[in-house]
Amino acid sequence: MQEINWDPKREQPLELPDATIYYYPNFLSSSNATALFQKLHDSIPWQHDPITVFGKTYMQPRLTSLHGTTATSYAYSDVTMTPQPMTAELNTILTDIHAVYTHEFNVVLLNLYRDGKDSNGWHADNEKSLGPKPVIASVSLGEERFFHFKHRDHKRERYKLRLAHGSLLIMAGAMQEKWLHQIAKTNRPIGPRINLTFRKLIGTPD
């Protein structure tokens, strides 16, 4: 798997077969990212849900929370979540995202990876409720973790990108249709990480 070493001065997106990736390693300053991590870690109403994958049910290897400006539920892998209100911090992050990438996001799914044992297996954010070619904006806070992604058809198209503290990753194009991605487990003793994934649920009022 090829590691992508992203130059912080790079202004152009990464064009992949069937997808486009934008990465902003210094989206938030280190101090702002640290303060935001602590605020979210302590104030978000984290939940721990069972998840069903390939017919087997087990507790998700991470904690989650869903927030948004719509009351429409979001379902994946037998988990159904109803959005809680946006907090001031989440609205601020969304405003910052809009400053670099314009898109209509109305929910954010937060993931808390407590240590290296927490993970998110190979998947795509391709639920029907997200519509065709959904755009996902992902903000990373805390411990750096590798983001792995691979093309469904082109087996040689396999990459990994280290997601920095305070970084923003945007997945666009047919990324969710043609690619899979994951945050893998690691045996290294590492600290917690919070990931905020902004998306748009369709069929909801503006």
C-alpha atoms as a PDB file:
ATOM      1  CA  MET A   1       0.000   0.000   0.000  1.00  0.00           C
ATOM      2  CA  GLN A   2       1.521   3.289  -1.134  1.00  0.00           C
ATOM      3  CA  GLU A   3       1.748   6.103   1.400  1.00  0.00           C
ATOM      4  CA  ILE A   4       0.839   9.566   0.157  1.00  0.00           C
ATOM      5  CA  ASN A   5       3.220  12.194   1.519  1.00  0.00           C
ATOM      6  CA  TRP A   6       1.202  15.354   1.112  1.00  0.00           C
ATOM      7  CA  ASP A   7       3.106  18.614   0.699  1.00  0.00           C
ATOM      8  CA  PRO A   8       1.401  21.215   2.966  1.00  0.00           C
ATOM      9  CA  LYS A   9       1.993  23.804   0.213  1.00  0.00           C
ATOM     10  CA  ARG A  10       0.139  21.729  -2.362  1.00  0.00           C
ATOM     11  CA  GLU A  11      -2.970  23.569  -3.530  1.00  0.00           C
ATOM     12  CA  GLN A  12      -4.292  21.100  -6.101  1.00  0.00           C
ATOM     13  CA  PRO A  13      -6.517  18.125  -5.186  1.00  0.00           C
ATOM     14  CA  LEU A  14      -5.442  14.542  -5.704  1.00  0.00           C
ATOM     15  CA  GLU A  15      -7.161  13.190  -8.802  1.00  0.00           C
ATOM     16  CA  LEU A  16      -7.756   9.446  -8.570  1.00  0.00           C
ATOM     17  CA  PRO A  17      -9.630   7.051 -10.851  1.00  0.00           C
ATOM     18  CA  ASP A  18     -13.313   7.915 -10.216  1.00  0.00           C
ATOM     19  CA  ALA A  19     -12.595  10.206  -7.267  1.00  0.00           C
ATOM     20  CA  THR A  20     -11.100  13.478  -6.078  1.00  0.00           C
ATOM     21  CA  ILE A  21      -9.469  14.044  -2.690  1.00  0.00           C
ATOM     22  CA  TYR A  22      -8.740  17.406  -1.098  1.00  0.00           C
ATOM     23  CA  TYR A  23      -6.479  17.418   1.944  1.00  0.00           C
ATOM     24  CA  TYR A  24      -5.664  20.374   4.199  1.00  0.00           C
ATOM     25  CA  PRO A  25      -3.127  19.194   6.810  1.00  0.00           C
ATOM     26  CA  ASN A  26      -3.122  22.564   8.598  1.00  0.00           C
ATOM     27  CA  PHE A  27      -6.842  23.266   8.437  1.00  0.00           C
ATOM     28  CA  LEU A  28      -6.862  24.148  12.158  1.00  0.00           C
ATOM     29  CA  SER A  29      -3.952  25.478  14.171  1.00  0.00           C
ATOM     30  CA  SER A  30      -2.476  23.023  16.661  1.00  0.00           C
ATOM     31  CA  SER A  31      -3.723  25.027  19.657  1.00  0.00           C
ATOM     32  CA  ASN A  32      -7.248  25.384  18.261  1.00  0.00           C
ATOM     33  CA  ALA A  33      -7.371  21.692  17.369  1.00  0.00           C
ATOM     34  CA  THR A  34      -6.231  20.691  20.864  1.00  0.00           C
ATOM     35  CA  ALA A  35      -8.795  22.909  22.558  1.00  0.00           C
ATOM     36  CA  LEU A  36     -11.535  21.625  20.251  1.00  0.00           C
ATOM     37  CA  PHE A  37     -10.572  18.007  20.880  1.00  0.00           C
ATOM     38  CA  GLN A  38     -10.852  18.452  24.641  1.00  0.00           C
ATOM     39  CA  LYS A  39     -14.167  20.300  24.390  1.00  0.00           C
ATOM     40  CA  LEU A  40     -15.746  17.649  22.171  1.00  0.00           C
ATOM     41  CA  HIS A  41     -14.259  14.776  24.160  1.00  0.00           C
ATOM     42  CA  ASP A  42     -15.794  16.090  27.378  1.00  0.00           C
ATOM     43  CA  SER A  43     -19.129  17.489  26.154  1.00  0.00           C
ATOM     44  CA  ILE A  44     -20.387  15.319  23.274  1.00  0.00           C
ATOM     45  CA  PRO A  45     -22.988  12.693  24.353  1.00  0.00           C
ATOM     46  CA  TRP A  46     -21.030   9.701  23.075  1.00  0.00           C
ATOM     47  CA  GLN A  47     -22.872   6.416  22.583  1.00  0.00           C
ATOM     48  CA  HIS A  48     -21.727   2.828  22.127  1.00  0.00           C
ATOM     49  CA  ASP A  49     -23.965   0.842  19.776  1.00  0.00           C
ATOM     50  CA  PRO A  50     -24.042  -2.732  18.495  1.00  0.00           C
ATOM     51  CA  ILE A  51     -23.361  -3.027  14.764  1.00  0.00           C
ATOM     52  CA  THR A  52     -24.162  -5.827  12.308  1.00  0.00           C
ATOM     53  CA  VAL A  53     -21.652  -6.645   9.560  1.00  0.00           C
ATOM     54  CA  PHE A  54     -21.960  -9.698   7.302  1.00  0.00           C
ATOM     55  CA  GLY A  55     -24.653 -11.119   9.569  1.00  0.00           C
ATOM     56  CA  LYS A  56     -22.630 -10.837  12.773  1.00  0.00           C
ATOM     57  CA  THR A  57     -23.471  -8.365  15.543  1.00  0.00           C
ATOM     58  CA  TYR A  58     -20.908  -6.888  17.924  1.00  0.00           C
ATOM     59  CA  MET A  59     -20.218  -3.619  19.724  1.00  0.00           C
ATOM     60  CA  GLN A  60     -18.741  -0.952  17.491  1.00  0.00           C
ATOM     61  CA  PRO A  61     -15.007  -0.552  18.129  1.00  0.00           C
ATOM     62  CA  ARG A  62     -15.458   3.180  18.700  1.00  0.00           C
ATOM     63  CA  LEU A  63     -17.953   5.644  20.209  1.00  0.00           C
ATOM     64  CA  THR A  64     -20.222   7.807  18.049  1.00  0.00           C
ATOM     65  CA  SER A  65     -22.595  10.759  18.106  1.00  0.00           C
ATOM     66  CA  LEU A  66     -24.741  12.301  15.344  1.00  0.00           C
ATOM     67  CA  HIS A  67     -25.643  15.997  15.169  1.00  0.00           C
ATOM     68  CA  GLY A  68     -27.380  18.073  12.532  1.00  0.00           C
ATOM     69  CA  THR A  69     -29.906  20.635  11.378  1.00  0.00           C
ATOM     70  CA  THR A  70     -32.419  17.997  10.293  1.00  0.00           C
ATOM     71  CA  ALA A  71     -34.555  15.537  12.254  1.00  0.00           C
ATOM     72  CA  THR A  72     -34.101  12.817   9.619  1.00  0.00           C
ATOM     73  CA  SER A  73     -32.485   9.654  10.978  1.00  0.00           C
ATOM     74  CA  TYR A  74     -29.315   8.176   9.532  1.00  0.00           C
ATOM     75  CA  ALA A  75     -28.987   4.380   9.311  1.00  0.00           C
ATOM     76  CA  TYR A  76     -26.018   2.135   8.558  1.00  0.00           C
ATOM     77  CA  SER A  77     -25.222  -1.510   9.421  1.00  0.00           C
ATOM     78  CA  ASP A  78     -28.412  -1.905  11.507  1.00  0.00           C
ATOM     79  CA  VAL A  79     -27.587   1.227  13.502  1.00  0.00           C
ATOM     80  CA  THR A  80     -30.158   4.041  13.338  1.00  0.00           C
ATOM     81  CA  MET A  81     -29.199   7.415  14.752  1.00  0.00           C
ATOM     82  CA  THR A  82     -31.357  10.516  15.175  1.00  0.00           C
ATOM     83  CA  PRO A  83     -29.423  13.791  14.928  1.00  0.00           C
ATOM     84  CA  GLN A  84     -28.967  15.813  18.063  1.00  0.00           C
ATOM     85  CA  PRO A  85     -28.688  19.595  17.801  1.00  0.00           C
ATOM     86  CA  MET A  86     -25.532  21.169  16.428  1.00  0.00           C
ATOM     87  CA  THR A  87     -23.316  22.665  19.103  1.00  0.00           C
ATOM     88  CA  ALA A  88     -21.570  26.017  18.829  1.00  0.00           C
ATOM     89  CA  GLU A  89     -18.254  24.246  18.209  1.00  0.00           C
ATOM     90  CA  LEU A  90     -19.673  22.080  15.410  1.00  0.00           C
ATOM     91  CA  ASN A  91     -21.246  25.107  13.720  1.00  0.00           C
ATOM     92  CA  THR A  92     -17.905  26.919  13.875  1.00  0.00           C
ATOM     93  CA  ILE A  93     -16.111  23.999  12.220  1.00  0.00           C
ATOM     94  CA  LEU A  94     -18.773  23.868   9.508  1.00  0.00           C
ATOM     95  CA  THR A  95     -18.294  27.576   8.815  1.00  0.00           C
ATOM     96  CA  ASP A  96     -14.538  27.009   8.544  1.00  0.00           C
ATOM     97  CA  ILE A  97     -15.096  24.143   6.072  1.00  0.00           C
ATOM     98  CA  HIS A  98     -17.332  26.340   3.917  1.00  0.00           C
ATOM     99  CA  ALA A  99     -14.462  28.832   3.701  1.00  0.00           C
ATOM    100  CA  VAL A 100     -12.414  26.293   1.702  1.00  0.00           C
ATOM    101  CA  TYR A 101     -15.081  24.041   0.154  1.00  0.00           C
ATOM    102  CA  THR A 102     -18.677  24.964  -0.585  1.00  0.00           C
ATOM    103  CA  HIS A 103     -21.184  22.174  -0.071  1.00  0.00           C
ATOM    104  CA  GLU A 104     -24.517  21.776   1.691  1.00  0.00           C
ATOM    105  CA  PHE A 105     -23.802  19.638   4.760  1.00  0.00           C
ATOM    106  CA  ASN A 106     -26.624  19.100   7.239  1.00  0.00           C
ATOM    107  CA  VAL A 107     -25.325  16.385   9.590  1.00  0.00           C
ATOM    108  CA  VAL A 108     -22.030  15.414  11.184  1.00  0.00           C
ATOM    109  CA  LEU A 109     -21.188  11.955  12.476  1.00  0.00           C
ATOM    110  CA  LEU A 110     -18.519  12.056  15.175  1.00  0.00           C
ATOM    111  CA  ASN A 111     -16.315   9.060  15.967  1.00  0.00           C
ATOM    112  CA  LEU A 112     -14.192   8.702  19.087  1.00  0.00           C
ATOM    113  CA  TYR A 113     -11.335   6.213  18.713  1.00  0.00           C
ATOM    114  CA  ARG A 114     -10.286   5.635  22.326  1.00  0.00           C
ATOM    115  CA  ASP A 115      -6.999   3.891  21.523  1.00  0.00           C
ATOM    116  CA  GLY A 116      -5.337   1.773  18.844  1.00  0.00           C
ATOM    117  CA  LYS A 117      -7.807  -1.063  19.366  1.00  0.00           C
ATOM    118  CA  ASP A 118     -10.662   1.110  18.120  1.00  0.00           C
ATOM    119  CA  SER A 119     -11.124   1.089  14.365  1.00  0.00           C
ATOM    120  CA  ASN A 120     -13.466   1.375  11.394  1.00  0.00           C
ATOM    121  CA  GLY A 121     -13.253  -1.527   8.918  1.00  0.00           C
ATOM    122  CA  TRP A 122     -13.363  -1.381   5.126  1.00  0.00           C
ATOM    123  CA  HIS A 123     -16.535   0.409   4.046  1.00  0.00           C
ATOM    124  CA  ALA A 124     -17.989   3.177   1.892  1.00  0.00           C
ATOM    125  CA  ASP A 125     -20.358   5.942   2.931  1.00  0.00           C
ATOM    126  CA  ASN A 126     -22.797   4.985   0.197  1.00  0.00           C
ATOM    127  CA  GLU A 127     -26.129   4.731   2.011  1.00  0.00           C
ATOM    128  CA  LYS A 128     -29.126   5.695  -0.153  1.00  0.00           C
ATOM    129  CA  SER A 129     -29.939   8.502   2.269  1.00  0.00           C
ATOM    130  CA  LEU A 130     -26.744  10.276   1.154  1.00  0.00           C
ATOM    131  CA  GLY A 131     -27.721  10.302  -2.522  1.00  0.00           C
ATOM    132  CA  PRO A 132     -25.441   9.749  -5.537  1.00  0.00           C
ATOM    133  CA  LYS A 133     -21.783  10.762  -5.304  1.00  0.00           C
ATOM    134  CA  PRO A 134     -21.972  12.118  -1.739  1.00  0.00           C
ATOM    135  CA  VAL A 135     -19.296  14.516  -0.542  1.00  0.00           C
ATOM    136  CA  ILE A 136     -17.768  13.745   2.857  1.00  0.00           C
ATOM    137  CA  ALA A 137     -15.733  16.323   4.786  1.00  0.00           C
ATOM    138  CA  SER A 138     -13.653  14.746   7.553  1.00  0.00           C
ATOM    139  CA  VAL A 139     -11.874  16.689  10.320  1.00  0.00           C
ATOM    140  CA  SER A 140      -9.305  14.842  12.459  1.00  0.00           C
ATOM    141  CA  LEU A 141      -8.388  15.761  16.025  1.00  0.00           C
ATOM    142  CA  GLY A 142      -5.995  14.082  18.427  1.00  0.00           C
ATOM    143  CA  GLU A 143      -3.791  11.082  17.650  1.00  0.00           C
ATOM    144  CA  GLU A 144      -2.665  10.723  14.040  1.00  0.00           C
ATOM    145  CA  ARG A 145      -4.036   7.625  12.306  1.00  0.00           C
ATOM    146  CA  PHE A 146      -3.579   6.247   8.798  1.00  0.00           C
ATOM    147  CA  PHE A 147      -6.544   6.561   6.431  1.00  0.00           C
ATOM    148  CA  HIS A 148      -6.442   3.556   4.069  1.00  0.00           C
ATOM    149  CA  PHE A 149      -8.362   3.559   0.794  1.00  0.00           C
ATOM    150  CA  LYS A 150      -8.532   1.161  -2.145  1.00  0.00           C
ATOM    151  CA  HIS A 151     -10.381   1.007  -5.464  1.00  0.00           C
ATOM    152  CA  ARG A 152     -13.030  -1.687  -5.768  1.00  0.00           C
ATOM    153  CA  ASP A 153     -11.947  -2.723  -9.270  1.00  0.00           C
ATOM    154  CA  HIS A 154      -8.368  -1.528  -9.804  1.00  0.00           C
ATOM    155  CA  LYS A 155      -6.508  -3.661  -7.280  1.00  0.00           C
ATOM    156  CA  ARG A 156      -3.262  -1.726  -7.621  1.00  0.00           C
ATOM    157  CA  GLU A 157      -4.960   1.487  -6.553  1.00  0.00           C
ATOM    158  CA  ARG A 158      -4.279   1.201  -2.798  1.00  0.00           C
ATOM    159  CA  TYR A 159      -3.091   4.127  -0.686  1.00  0.00           C
ATOM    160  CA  LYS A 160      -2.720   5.378   2.841  1.00  0.00           C
ATOM    161  CA  LEU A 161      -2.621   8.942   4.132  1.00  0.00           C
ATOM    162  CA  ARG A 162      -1.615   9.972   7.646  1.00  0.00           C
ATOM    163  CA  LEU A 163      -4.358  12.245   8.969  1.00  0.00           C
ATOM    164  CA  ALA A 164      -2.777  15.010  11.018  1.00  0.00           C
ATOM    165  CA  HIS A 165      -4.159  16.660  14.157  1.00  0.00           C
ATOM    166  CA  GLY A 166      -6.352  19.533  12.929  1.00  0.00           C
ATOM    167  CA  SER A 167      -6.498  18.336   9.310  1.00  0.00           C
ATOM    168  CA  LEU A 168      -9.407  18.323   6.853  1.00  0.00           C
ATOM    169  CA  LEU A 169      -9.968  15.590   4.272  1.00  0.00           C
ATOM    170  CA  ILE A 170     -12.673  15.954   1.615  1.00  0.00           C
ATOM    171  CA  MET A 171     -13.781  12.966  -0.454  1.00  0.00           C
ATOM    172  CA  ALA A 172     -15.662  13.855  -3.644  1.00  0.00           C
ATOM    173  CA  GLY A 173     -16.548  12.460  -7.057  1.00  0.00           C
ATOM    174  CA  ALA A 174     -17.440   8.751  -7.134  1.00  0.00           C
ATOM    175  CA  MET A 175     -15.259   8.015  -4.091  1.00  0.00           C
ATOM    176  CA  GLN A 176     -18.055   6.309  -2.134  1.00  0.00           C
ATOM    177  CA  GLU A 177     -19.203   4.291  -5.146  1.00  0.00           C
ATOM    178  CA  LYS A 178     -15.839   3.124  -6.460  1.00  0.00           C
ATOM    179  CA  TRP A 179     -13.577   3.098  -3.378  1.00  0.00           C
ATOM    180  CA  LEU A 180     -13.470   1.597   0.118  1.00  0.00           C
ATOM    181  CA  HIS A 181     -11.740   3.155   3.109  1.00  0.00           C
ATOM    182  CA  GLN A 182     -10.849   2.254   6.678  1.00  0.00           C
ATOM    183  CA  ILE A 183      -9.087   3.254   9.895  1.00  0.00           C
ATOM    184  CA  ALA A 184      -7.240   0.075  10.846  1.00  0.00           C
ATOM    185  CA  LYS A 185      -6.397  -1.224  14.305  1.00  0.00           C
ATOM    186  CA  THR A 186      -2.857  -0.805  15.556  1.00  0.00           C
ATOM    187  CA  ASN A 187      -0.904  -2.482  18.337  1.00  0.00           C
ATOM    188  CA  ARG A 188       1.016   0.697  19.016  1.00  0.00           C
ATOM    189  CA  PRO A 189       0.182   2.395  22.335  1.00  0.00           C
ATOM    190  CA  ILE A 190      -1.528   5.554  21.092  1.00  0.00           C
ATOM    191  CA  GLY A 191      -3.914   8.151  22.459  1.00  0.00           C
ATOM    192  CA  PRO A 192      -7.504   8.941  21.463  1.00  0.00           C
ATOM    193  CA  ARG A 193      -8.653  10.474  18.197  1.00  0.00           C
ATOM    194  CA  ILE A 194     -11.883  12.280  17.303  1.00  0.00           C
ATOM    195  CA  ASN A 195     -13.080  12.290  13.705  1.00  0.00           C
ATOM    196  CA  LEU A 196     -15.920  14.529  12.486  1.00  0.00           C
ATOM    197  CA  THR A 197     -17.487  13.506   9.173  1.00  0.00           C
ATOM    198  CA  PHE A 198     -19.818  16.108   7.701  1.00  0.00           C
ATOM    199  CA  ARG A 199     -22.311  14.883   5.099  1.00  0.00           C
ATOM    200  CA  LYS A 200     -25.723  15.715   3.623  1.00  0.00           C
ATOM    201  CA  LEU A 201     -28.826  13.620   4.135  1.00  0.00           C
ATOM    202  CA  ILE A 202     -31.114  14.031   1.115  1.00  0.00           C
ATOM    203  CA  GLY A 203     -34.870  14.492   1.120  1.00  0.00           C
ATOM    204  CA  THR A 204     -34.734  16.861   4.062  1.00  0.00           C
ATOM    205  CA  PRO A 205     -35.909  20.475   4.357  1.00  0.00           C
ATOM    206  CA  ASP A 206     -33.264  23.169   4.002  1.00  0.00           C
END
